[in-house]
Structures are given as structure tokens and as C-alpha cells.
């Protein structure tokens, strides 16, 4: 028996009647959840990723064709792409909040945290403070910073990494 014959039947059925997609969902939901859980170690985020994977698969169902692989392989490819997108999202500390404190801001803990981070940043060298301000406050790109400082892109990246590490140490140690 061909490994995808059951998948062929389920997919053909789902193409004719979209409600039949629930059978594919039921068949692969747990496996896909484990796939995400193993990588994220977060139940809520793993569940969200499973839902997003099935949403994308459902939206492309009419154009989908099996090529000798199971539908699970296709779902995992979508999942891998979603994980790649997730990992690529910038994870910046909101350093600019400390200098732009507003009376209308309701989340004072973020403002206080940002103020503490900027206070700790003052303990860094002038060059490290400058690069953090360019990147976080002025939101300049790596290219723009390298042009402004007349250094290579790699030098800017390296300085940012080092400044972040020092800031993280200062922030954690003196909290």
C-alpha cells in the first residue's frame, strides 16, 4: 500500500467538502503539536502554531497535490517555515520607552523597566551607549549606523552584541 493512499482519500474528500478537512486535523493534530512542543516548550505557543499551520494548509488545499509523501510531511514543512518566521522576529528590548515617558501610558512597569535599563546603560562606555541609542532610540539600521560611524557592518553587529551582553549582565546582577 502506498504510504499516502489514505491521505489521498482524505485530501480529495476535503477538496470536495471543506468540512472533511476536520479528519485531516484529527489525524495530524497531536503529531504536529508534539513537533512544535519539542521546539518551543510552550503549550500555548505550540497550540497557536498548530492552528496557524492548519489554517495555511486549509487555505492552500485546492492547489495541494501529494508527491509521494504523507500529508504530515507537508504540514511539518509549513510548521518549519512558521518556526523560521518566529525565530527571525526581532526580540528587542524597549529601551526607547525610558526617554519617551508619556502621561497617557498605562503600563508603568514597562516604563520603569526601560528606565532601569537605560540607567544601567549609562555604566557602559560612550561607544556602547552610542550604538545602543542609534539602534534602539533612533531605530537606525545596521547599514545606516555603519555609514554614520564609518565602520564595517560586522563591526556594528559586534559592538551591538557586546553592548547587549554587558547591559544584560548589569541589568541582571544589579536588579
N, C-alpha and C. Protein backbone atom coordinates (compact mmCIF):
# COMPACT_ATOMS: atom_id res chain seq x y z
N UNK A 1 0.85 -1.19 0.00
CA UNK A 1 0.00 0.00 0.00
C UNK A 1 0.89 1.25 0.00
N UNK A 2 0.56 2.17 -0.84
CA UNK A 2 1.29 3.43 -0.95
C UNK A 2 1.11 4.22 0.35
N UNK A 3 2.20 4.83 0.92
CA UNK A 3 2.09 5.48 2.22
C UNK A 3 1.09 6.64 2.25
N UNK A 4 0.74 7.17 1.10
CA UNK A 4 -0.13 8.34 1.12
C UNK A 4 -1.53 8.06 0.59
N UNK A 5 -1.91 6.77 0.40
CA UNK A 5 -3.23 6.47 -0.17
C UNK A 5 -4.36 6.95 0.74
N UNK A 6 -4.21 6.80 2.05
CA UNK A 6 -5.23 7.29 2.98
C UNK A 6 -5.27 8.81 2.93
N UNK A 7 -4.09 9.42 2.88
CA UNK A 7 -4.02 10.87 2.76
C UNK A 7 -4.68 11.34 1.47
N UNK A 8 -4.44 10.60 0.37
CA UNK A 8 -5.07 10.95 -0.91
C UNK A 8 -6.58 11.00 -0.77
N UNK A 9 -7.13 10.00 -0.13
CA UNK A 9 -8.58 9.93 0.04
C UNK A 9 -9.09 11.08 0.91
N UNK A 10 -8.41 11.32 2.01
CA UNK A 10 -8.83 12.40 2.91
C UNK A 10 -8.72 13.77 2.24
N UNK A 11 -7.67 13.98 1.48
CA UNK A 11 -7.48 15.27 0.81
C UNK A 11 -8.51 15.46 -0.29
N UNK A 12 -8.76 14.41 -1.08
CA UNK A 12 -9.80 14.51 -2.12
C UNK A 12 -11.15 14.80 -1.50
N UNK A 13 -11.43 14.14 -0.41
CA UNK A 13 -12.69 14.38 0.30
C UNK A 13 -12.78 15.82 0.80
N UNK A 14 -11.68 16.32 1.36
CA UNK A 14 -11.66 17.69 1.89
C UNK A 14 -11.75 18.73 0.77
N UNK A 15 -11.21 18.41 -0.41
CA UNK A 15 -11.32 19.33 -1.54
C UNK A 15 -12.76 19.45 -2.01
N UNK A 16 -13.49 18.33 -1.97
CA UNK A 16 -14.91 18.35 -2.37
C UNK A 16 -15.79 18.99 -1.30
N UNK A 17 -15.51 18.63 -0.06
CA UNK A 17 -16.31 19.11 1.07
C UNK A 17 -15.37 19.63 2.14
N UNK A 18 -15.21 20.96 2.26
CA UNK A 18 -14.25 21.53 3.21
C UNK A 18 -14.42 21.05 4.66
N UNK A 19 -15.62 20.67 5.04
CA UNK A 19 -15.84 20.18 6.41
C UNK A 19 -15.06 18.89 6.67
N UNK A 20 -14.74 18.16 5.61
CA UNK A 20 -14.00 16.91 5.75
C UNK A 20 -12.54 17.16 6.13
N UNK A 21 -12.09 18.40 6.07
CA UNK A 21 -10.72 18.73 6.48
C UNK A 21 -10.53 18.40 7.97
N UNK A 22 -11.62 18.35 8.71
CA UNK A 22 -11.56 18.01 10.13
C UNK A 22 -10.92 16.65 10.35
N UNK A 23 -11.10 15.72 9.40
CA UNK A 23 -10.48 14.40 9.53
C UNK A 23 -8.95 14.51 9.45
N UNK A 24 -8.46 15.36 8.56
CA UNK A 24 -7.02 15.59 8.47
C UNK A 24 -6.51 16.23 9.76
N UNK A 25 -7.29 17.17 10.27
CA UNK A 25 -6.93 17.85 11.51
C UNK A 25 -6.83 16.83 12.65
N UNK A 26 -7.84 15.98 12.76
CA UNK A 26 -7.87 14.98 13.82
C UNK A 26 -6.69 14.00 13.68
N UNK A 27 -6.38 13.63 12.46
CA UNK A 27 -5.32 12.66 12.22
C UNK A 27 -3.93 13.22 12.59
N UNK A 28 -3.67 14.48 12.29
CA UNK A 28 -2.33 15.02 12.43
C UNK A 28 -2.13 16.03 13.56
N UNK A 29 -3.18 16.39 14.25
CA UNK A 29 -3.10 17.42 15.29
C UNK A 29 -2.09 17.09 16.38
N UNK A 30 -2.17 15.90 16.94
CA UNK A 30 -1.28 15.52 18.05
C UNK A 30 0.18 15.44 17.61
N UNK A 31 0.39 14.87 16.46
CA UNK A 31 1.75 14.75 15.93
C UNK A 31 2.36 16.13 15.70
N UNK A 32 1.57 17.03 15.14
CA UNK A 32 2.06 18.38 14.87
C UNK A 32 2.28 19.15 16.17
N UNK A 33 1.42 18.92 17.16
CA UNK A 33 1.60 19.57 18.45
C UNK A 33 2.94 19.14 19.07
N UNK A 34 3.23 17.84 19.04
CA UNK A 34 4.50 17.34 19.57
C UNK A 34 5.68 17.95 18.83
N UNK A 35 5.54 18.09 17.51
CA UNK A 35 6.57 18.71 16.69
C UNK A 35 6.89 20.12 17.20
N UNK A 36 5.87 20.91 17.49
CA UNK A 36 6.08 22.28 17.98
C UNK A 36 6.52 22.29 19.45
N UNK A 37 5.92 21.43 20.27
CA UNK A 37 6.26 21.40 21.69
C UNK A 37 7.75 21.09 21.88
N UNK A 38 8.25 20.15 21.09
CA UNK A 38 9.66 19.77 21.19
C UNK A 38 10.57 20.96 20.93
N UNK A 39 10.15 21.87 20.07
CA UNK A 39 10.98 23.02 19.71
C UNK A 39 10.73 24.26 20.55
N UNK A 40 9.50 24.43 21.04
CA UNK A 40 9.13 25.66 21.74
C UNK A 40 9.00 25.50 23.25
N UNK A 41 8.66 24.32 23.72
CA UNK A 41 8.44 24.04 25.14
C UNK A 41 7.44 25.01 25.77
N UNK A 42 6.40 25.31 25.02
CA UNK A 42 5.35 26.22 25.48
C UNK A 42 4.03 25.72 24.91
N UNK A 43 3.13 25.29 25.80
CA UNK A 43 1.87 24.70 25.37
C UNK A 43 1.04 25.68 24.55
N UNK A 44 0.89 26.88 25.04
CA UNK A 44 0.05 27.87 24.36
C UNK A 44 0.61 28.23 22.98
N UNK A 45 1.89 28.49 22.93
CA UNK A 45 2.50 28.86 21.65
C UNK A 45 2.48 27.67 20.68
N UNK A 46 2.68 26.47 21.19
CA UNK A 46 2.62 25.28 20.34
C UNK A 46 1.22 25.10 19.76
N UNK A 47 0.21 25.30 20.58
CA UNK A 47 -1.18 25.20 20.10
C UNK A 47 -1.47 26.25 19.04
N UNK A 48 -0.98 27.46 19.25
CA UNK A 48 -1.17 28.53 18.26
C UNK A 48 -0.51 28.17 16.94
N UNK A 49 0.67 27.60 17.02
CA UNK A 49 1.40 27.23 15.81
C UNK A 49 0.68 26.10 15.06
N UNK A 50 0.11 25.15 15.81
CA UNK A 50 -0.66 24.09 15.18
C UNK A 50 -1.84 24.69 14.42
N UNK A 51 -2.55 25.61 15.06
CA UNK A 51 -3.70 26.23 14.41
C UNK A 51 -3.28 27.00 13.16
N UNK A 52 -2.21 27.75 13.26
CA UNK A 52 -1.73 28.53 12.11
C UNK A 52 -1.31 27.60 10.97
N UNK A 53 -0.68 26.48 11.31
CA UNK A 53 -0.27 25.52 10.29
C UNK A 53 -1.49 24.97 9.56
N UNK A 54 -2.51 24.58 10.30
CA UNK A 54 -3.71 24.04 9.66
C UNK A 54 -4.46 25.11 8.87
N UNK A 55 -4.45 26.34 9.35
CA UNK A 55 -5.07 27.43 8.59
C UNK A 55 -4.38 27.62 7.24
N UNK A 56 -3.07 27.61 7.25
CA UNK A 56 -2.33 27.77 5.99
C UNK A 56 -2.54 26.58 5.07
N UNK A 57 -2.53 25.39 5.64
CA UNK A 57 -2.75 24.19 4.83
C UNK A 57 -4.16 24.21 4.22
N UNK A 58 -5.14 24.62 5.01
CA UNK A 58 -6.52 24.68 4.51
C UNK A 58 -6.66 25.72 3.40
N UNK A 59 -6.00 26.85 3.56
CA UNK A 59 -6.11 27.91 2.55
C UNK A 59 -5.48 27.50 1.22
N UNK A 60 -4.56 26.55 1.23
CA UNK A 60 -3.90 26.07 0.00
C UNK A 60 -4.39 24.68 -0.41
N UNK A 61 -5.45 24.22 0.19
CA UNK A 61 -5.92 22.86 -0.04
C UNK A 61 -6.29 22.59 -1.50
N UNK A 62 -6.95 23.52 -2.16
CA UNK A 62 -7.38 23.32 -3.55
C UNK A 62 -6.20 23.09 -4.48
N UNK A 63 -5.08 23.75 -4.23
CA UNK A 63 -3.91 23.65 -5.10
C UNK A 63 -2.97 22.52 -4.68
N UNK A 64 -3.19 21.92 -3.52
CA UNK A 64 -2.26 20.92 -2.99
C UNK A 64 -2.34 19.61 -3.78
N UNK A 65 -1.15 19.02 -4.01
CA UNK A 65 -1.05 17.70 -4.62
C UNK A 65 0.03 16.91 -3.87
N UNK A 66 -0.29 15.67 -3.57
CA UNK A 66 0.69 14.80 -2.91
C UNK A 66 1.73 14.37 -3.93
N UNK A 67 2.97 14.32 -3.53
CA UNK A 67 4.05 13.90 -4.41
C UNK A 67 4.81 12.74 -3.78
N UNK A 68 4.09 11.73 -3.35
CA UNK A 68 4.74 10.55 -2.78
C UNK A 68 5.08 10.67 -1.30
N UNK A 69 4.68 11.75 -0.66
CA UNK A 69 4.93 11.95 0.76
C UNK A 69 3.60 12.05 1.50
N UNK A 70 3.65 11.82 2.78
CA UNK A 70 2.42 11.93 3.56
C UNK A 70 2.04 13.40 3.75
N UNK A 71 0.80 13.62 4.11
CA UNK A 71 0.33 14.97 4.37
C UNK A 71 1.04 15.54 5.60
N UNK A 72 1.44 14.66 6.51
CA UNK A 72 2.18 15.07 7.70
C UNK A 72 3.49 15.76 7.31
N UNK A 73 4.16 15.26 6.28
CA UNK A 73 5.40 15.88 5.81
C UNK A 73 5.13 17.31 5.34
N UNK A 74 4.04 17.48 4.61
CA UNK A 74 3.64 18.80 4.12
C UNK A 74 3.34 19.73 5.30
N UNK A 75 2.60 19.23 6.29
CA UNK A 75 2.28 20.05 7.46
C UNK A 75 3.53 20.44 8.22
N UNK A 76 4.47 19.52 8.35
CA UNK A 76 5.72 19.83 9.06
C UNK A 76 6.55 20.86 8.29
N UNK A 77 6.48 20.85 6.98
CA UNK A 77 7.20 21.86 6.20
C UNK A 77 6.59 23.23 6.48
N UNK A 78 5.27 23.32 6.51
CA UNK A 78 4.61 24.58 6.86
C UNK A 78 5.03 24.99 8.27
N UNK A 79 5.03 24.02 9.19
CA UNK A 79 5.42 24.29 10.57
C UNK A 79 6.85 24.77 10.69
N UNK A 80 7.74 24.17 9.93
CA UNK A 80 9.14 24.59 9.94
C UNK A 80 9.27 26.03 9.44
N UNK A 81 8.52 26.37 8.41
CA UNK A 81 8.54 27.74 7.90
C UNK A 81 8.00 28.72 8.95
N UNK A 82 6.95 28.32 9.66
CA UNK A 82 6.40 29.18 10.72
C UNK A 82 7.43 29.38 11.84
N UNK A 83 8.12 28.32 12.21
CA UNK A 83 9.16 28.43 13.24
C UNK A 83 10.29 29.35 12.79
N UNK A 84 10.66 29.23 11.54
CA UNK A 84 11.70 30.10 11.00
C UNK A 84 11.26 31.56 11.09
N UNK A 85 10.01 31.82 10.72
CA UNK A 85 9.48 33.19 10.83
C UNK A 85 9.50 33.67 12.28
N UNK A 86 9.11 32.77 13.19
CA UNK A 86 9.08 33.12 14.61
C UNK A 86 10.48 33.46 15.13
N UNK A 87 11.46 32.66 14.76
CA UNK A 87 12.82 32.89 15.24
C UNK A 87 13.43 34.14 14.63
N UNK A 88 12.98 34.53 13.46
CA UNK A 88 13.51 35.71 12.80
C UNK A 88 12.92 37.01 13.34
N UNK A 89 11.80 36.92 14.04
CA UNK A 89 11.19 38.14 14.58
C UNK A 89 12.17 38.81 15.52
N UNK A 90 12.30 40.13 15.41
CA UNK A 90 13.24 40.82 16.30
C UNK A 90 12.78 40.74 17.75
N UNK A 91 13.73 40.54 18.63
CA UNK A 91 13.45 40.46 20.06
C UNK A 91 14.22 41.57 20.76
N UNK A 92 13.79 42.80 20.49
CA UNK A 92 14.49 43.96 21.02
C UNK A 92 13.93 44.35 22.38
N UNK A 93 14.80 44.83 23.22
CA UNK A 93 14.38 45.41 24.49
C UNK A 93 13.87 46.81 24.19
N UNK A 94 12.77 47.18 24.79
CA UNK A 94 12.22 48.50 24.53
C UNK A 94 12.98 49.56 25.32
N UNK A 95 14.14 49.91 24.83
CA UNK A 95 14.98 50.88 25.50
C UNK A 95 14.48 52.30 25.30
N UNK A 96 13.80 52.55 24.18
CA UNK A 96 13.36 53.91 23.88
C UNK A 96 12.25 54.40 24.82
N UNK A 97 11.59 53.49 25.49
CA UNK A 97 10.47 53.89 26.34
C UNK A 97 10.90 54.81 27.49
N UNK A 98 12.10 54.65 27.99
CA UNK A 98 12.56 55.46 29.12
C UNK A 98 12.69 56.93 28.76
N UNK A 99 13.09 57.23 27.54
CA UNK A 99 13.26 58.63 27.15
C UNK A 99 11.97 59.25 26.62
N UNK A 100 10.96 58.43 26.37
CA UNK A 100 9.71 58.93 25.81
C UNK A 100 8.55 58.64 26.75
N UNK A 101 8.73 58.88 28.02
CA UNK A 101 7.70 58.59 29.00
C UNK A 101 6.53 59.53 28.78
N UNK A 102 5.34 58.95 28.73
CA UNK A 102 4.14 59.72 28.46
C UNK A 102 3.16 59.59 29.63
N UNK A 103 2.38 60.64 29.88
CA UNK A 103 1.38 60.58 30.95
C UNK A 103 0.25 59.62 30.61
N UNK A 104 0.03 59.37 29.33
CA UNK A 104 -1.08 58.51 28.92
C UNK A 104 -0.71 57.04 28.96
N UNK A 105 0.51 56.73 29.20
CA UNK A 105 0.95 55.33 29.20
C UNK A 105 0.41 54.63 30.44
N UNK A 106 -0.27 53.52 30.24
CA UNK A 106 -0.89 52.82 31.36
C UNK A 106 0.01 51.73 31.93
N UNK A 107 0.90 51.20 31.14
CA UNK A 107 1.74 50.11 31.61
C UNK A 107 3.03 50.67 32.20
N UNK A 108 2.96 51.06 33.46
CA UNK A 108 4.10 51.73 34.10
C UNK A 108 5.26 50.78 34.35
N UNK A 109 5.01 49.50 34.45
CA UNK A 109 6.12 48.57 34.70
C UNK A 109 7.09 48.54 33.53
N UNK A 110 6.57 48.62 32.29
CA UNK A 110 7.47 48.65 31.13
C UNK A 110 8.31 49.92 31.15
N UNK A 111 7.71 51.03 31.53
CA UNK A 111 8.42 52.30 31.58
C UNK A 111 9.51 52.23 32.64
N UNK A 112 9.16 51.69 33.81
CA UNK A 112 10.13 51.58 34.90
C UNK A 112 11.27 50.65 34.49
N UNK A 113 10.93 49.50 33.86
CA UNK A 113 11.97 48.58 33.40
C UNK A 113 12.88 49.25 32.38
N UNK A 114 12.29 49.98 31.45
CA UNK A 114 13.10 50.67 30.44
C UNK A 114 13.99 51.73 31.08
N UNK A 115 13.45 52.42 32.08
CA UNK A 115 14.26 53.42 32.77
C UNK A 115 15.45 52.76 33.47
N UNK A 116 15.20 51.62 34.10
CA UNK A 116 16.27 50.89 34.77
C UNK A 116 17.33 50.43 33.77
N UNK A 117 16.88 49.97 32.62
CA UNK A 117 17.81 49.51 31.59
C UNK A 117 18.68 50.68 31.12
N UNK A 118 18.05 51.84 30.89
CA UNK A 118 18.84 52.99 30.44
C UNK A 118 19.77 53.50 31.53
N UNK A 119 19.34 53.38 32.78
CA UNK A 119 20.24 53.76 33.87
C UNK A 119 21.47 52.85 33.87
N UNK A 120 21.25 51.58 33.68
CA UNK A 120 22.37 50.63 33.61
C UNK A 120 23.22 50.90 32.37
N UNK A 121 22.58 51.32 31.28
CA UNK A 121 23.32 51.61 30.04
C UNK A 121 24.30 52.75 30.24
N UNK A 122 24.02 53.64 31.17
CA UNK A 122 24.93 54.75 31.44
C UNK A 122 26.26 54.28 32.02
N UNK A 123 26.28 53.04 32.52
CA UNK A 123 27.52 52.48 33.05
C UNK A 123 28.42 51.91 31.94
N UNK A 124 27.87 51.81 30.75
CA UNK A 124 28.64 51.31 29.61
C UNK A 124 29.53 52.43 29.07
N UNK A 125 30.44 52.05 28.20
CA UNK A 125 31.31 53.05 27.58
C UNK A 125 30.49 53.95 26.66
N UNK A 126 31.04 55.10 26.31
CA UNK A 126 30.35 56.06 25.44
C UNK A 126 30.04 55.42 24.09
N UNK A 127 30.97 54.63 23.55
CA UNK A 127 30.75 53.97 22.26
C UNK A 127 29.58 52.98 22.34
N UNK A 128 29.51 52.23 23.43
CA UNK A 128 28.44 51.25 23.60
C UNK A 128 27.09 51.95 23.77
N UNK A 129 27.07 53.02 24.53
CA UNK A 129 25.84 53.79 24.70
C UNK A 129 25.39 54.35 23.35
N UNK A 130 26.34 54.87 22.60
CA UNK A 130 26.03 55.48 21.31
C UNK A 130 25.39 54.46 20.36
N UNK A 131 25.98 53.27 20.28
CA UNK A 131 25.48 52.27 19.35
C UNK A 131 24.09 51.79 19.77
N UNK A 132 23.84 51.66 21.09
CA UNK A 132 22.52 51.27 21.57
C UNK A 132 21.49 52.36 21.26
N UNK A 133 21.86 53.61 21.44
CA UNK A 133 20.93 54.71 21.15
C UNK A 133 20.61 54.79 19.66
N UNK A 134 21.63 54.62 18.81
CA UNK A 134 21.38 54.62 17.37
C UNK A 134 20.40 53.52 17.00
N UNK A 135 20.63 52.33 17.54
CA UNK A 135 19.83 51.18 17.15
C UNK A 135 18.43 51.19 17.76
N UNK A 136 18.33 51.48 19.07
CA UNK A 136 17.04 51.37 19.75
C UNK A 136 16.24 52.67 19.78
N UNK A 137 16.88 53.78 20.04
CA UNK A 137 16.13 55.03 20.14
C UNK A 137 15.88 55.64 18.77
N UNK A 138 16.92 55.73 17.96
CA UNK A 138 16.77 56.32 16.64
C UNK A 138 16.33 55.30 15.60
N UNK A 139 16.35 54.04 15.96
CA UNK A 139 15.93 52.93 15.12
C UNK A 139 16.63 52.94 13.76
N UNK A 140 17.92 53.22 13.79
CA UNK A 140 18.72 53.18 12.57
C UNK A 140 19.06 51.73 12.24
N UNK A 141 19.16 51.44 10.96
CA UNK A 141 19.54 50.10 10.54
C UNK A 141 21.04 49.92 10.74
N UNK A 142 21.49 48.68 10.65
CA UNK A 142 22.91 48.36 10.76
C UNK A 142 23.68 49.13 9.68
N UNK A 143 23.11 49.16 8.47
CA UNK A 143 23.76 49.87 7.37
C UNK A 143 23.94 51.35 7.68
N UNK A 144 22.88 51.98 8.18
CA UNK A 144 22.94 53.40 8.49
C UNK A 144 23.93 53.69 9.62
N UNK A 145 23.94 52.83 10.61
CA UNK A 145 24.88 53.02 11.72
C UNK A 145 26.32 52.89 11.22
N UNK A 146 26.57 51.88 10.37
CA UNK A 146 27.94 51.69 9.88
C UNK A 146 28.38 52.88 9.03
N UNK A 147 27.47 53.46 8.27
CA UNK A 147 27.79 54.65 7.49
C UNK A 147 28.08 55.83 8.41
N UNK A 148 27.22 55.99 9.40
CA UNK A 148 27.37 57.12 10.33
C UNK A 148 28.67 57.04 11.13
N UNK A 149 29.03 55.83 11.55
CA UNK A 149 30.24 55.65 12.36
C UNK A 149 31.48 55.37 11.52
N UNK A 150 31.26 55.18 10.23
CA UNK A 150 32.34 54.87 9.30
C UNK A 150 33.11 53.62 9.70
N UNK A 151 32.34 52.57 10.00
CA UNK A 151 32.91 51.25 10.31
C UNK A 151 32.16 50.21 9.50
N UNK A 152 32.66 49.00 9.47
CA UNK A 152 32.00 47.93 8.70
C UNK A 152 30.70 47.48 9.38
N UNK A 153 29.88 46.80 8.58
CA UNK A 153 28.63 46.25 9.11
C UNK A 153 28.91 45.28 10.25
N UNK A 154 29.92 44.44 10.04
CA UNK A 154 30.27 43.45 11.06
C UNK A 154 30.73 44.10 12.36
N UNK A 155 31.42 45.23 12.24
CA UNK A 155 31.87 45.94 13.44
C UNK A 155 30.66 46.45 14.23
N UNK A 156 29.65 46.95 13.51
CA UNK A 156 28.43 47.43 14.17
C UNK A 156 27.73 46.27 14.87
N UNK A 157 27.59 45.16 14.18
CA UNK A 157 26.93 43.99 14.77
C UNK A 157 27.68 43.52 16.02
N UNK A 158 28.98 43.45 15.91
CA UNK A 158 29.79 43.01 17.04
C UNK A 158 29.65 43.95 18.23
N UNK A 159 29.69 45.25 17.97
CA UNK A 159 29.54 46.23 19.05
C UNK A 159 28.16 46.12 19.70
N UNK A 160 27.12 45.91 18.88
CA UNK A 160 25.77 45.74 19.43
C UNK A 160 25.69 44.51 20.33
N UNK A 161 26.25 43.41 19.85
CA UNK A 161 26.22 42.17 20.64
C UNK A 161 26.94 42.37 21.97
N UNK A 162 28.10 42.97 21.91
CA UNK A 162 28.89 43.17 23.14
C UNK A 162 28.18 44.13 24.11
N UNK A 163 27.60 45.19 23.57
CA UNK A 163 26.88 46.14 24.42
C UNK A 163 25.67 45.48 25.06
N UNK A 164 24.95 44.67 24.30
CA UNK A 164 23.78 43.96 24.84
C UNK A 164 24.20 43.01 25.95
N UNK A 165 25.28 42.28 25.72
CA UNK A 165 25.76 41.34 26.75
C UNK A 165 26.12 42.07 28.04
N UNK A 166 26.87 43.15 27.91
CA UNK A 166 27.26 43.91 29.10
C UNK A 166 26.02 44.47 29.80
N UNK A 167 25.10 44.98 29.01
CA UNK A 167 23.87 45.55 29.58
C UNK A 167 23.06 44.47 30.28
N UNK A 168 23.00 43.31 29.69
CA UNK A 168 22.26 42.20 30.30
C UNK A 168 22.90 41.81 31.63
N UNK A 169 24.23 41.74 31.66
CA UNK A 169 24.94 41.43 32.91
C UNK A 169 24.65 42.47 33.97
N UNK A 170 24.75 43.72 33.60
CA UNK A 170 24.49 44.81 34.55
C UNK A 170 23.05 44.78 35.06
N UNK A 171 22.14 44.53 34.15
CA UNK A 171 20.72 44.54 34.49
C UNK A 171 20.35 43.39 35.42
N UNK A 172 20.89 42.22 35.15
CA UNK A 172 20.58 41.04 35.97
C UNK A 172 21.29 41.10 37.31
N UNK A 173 22.56 41.47 37.31
CA UNK A 173 23.36 41.45 38.53
C UNK A 173 22.86 42.50 39.52
N UNK A 174 22.50 43.67 39.06
CA UNK A 174 22.14 44.77 39.92
C UNK A 174 20.63 44.96 40.09
N UNK A 175 19.86 43.98 39.77
CA UNK A 175 18.41 44.12 39.83
C UNK A 175 17.87 44.15 41.22
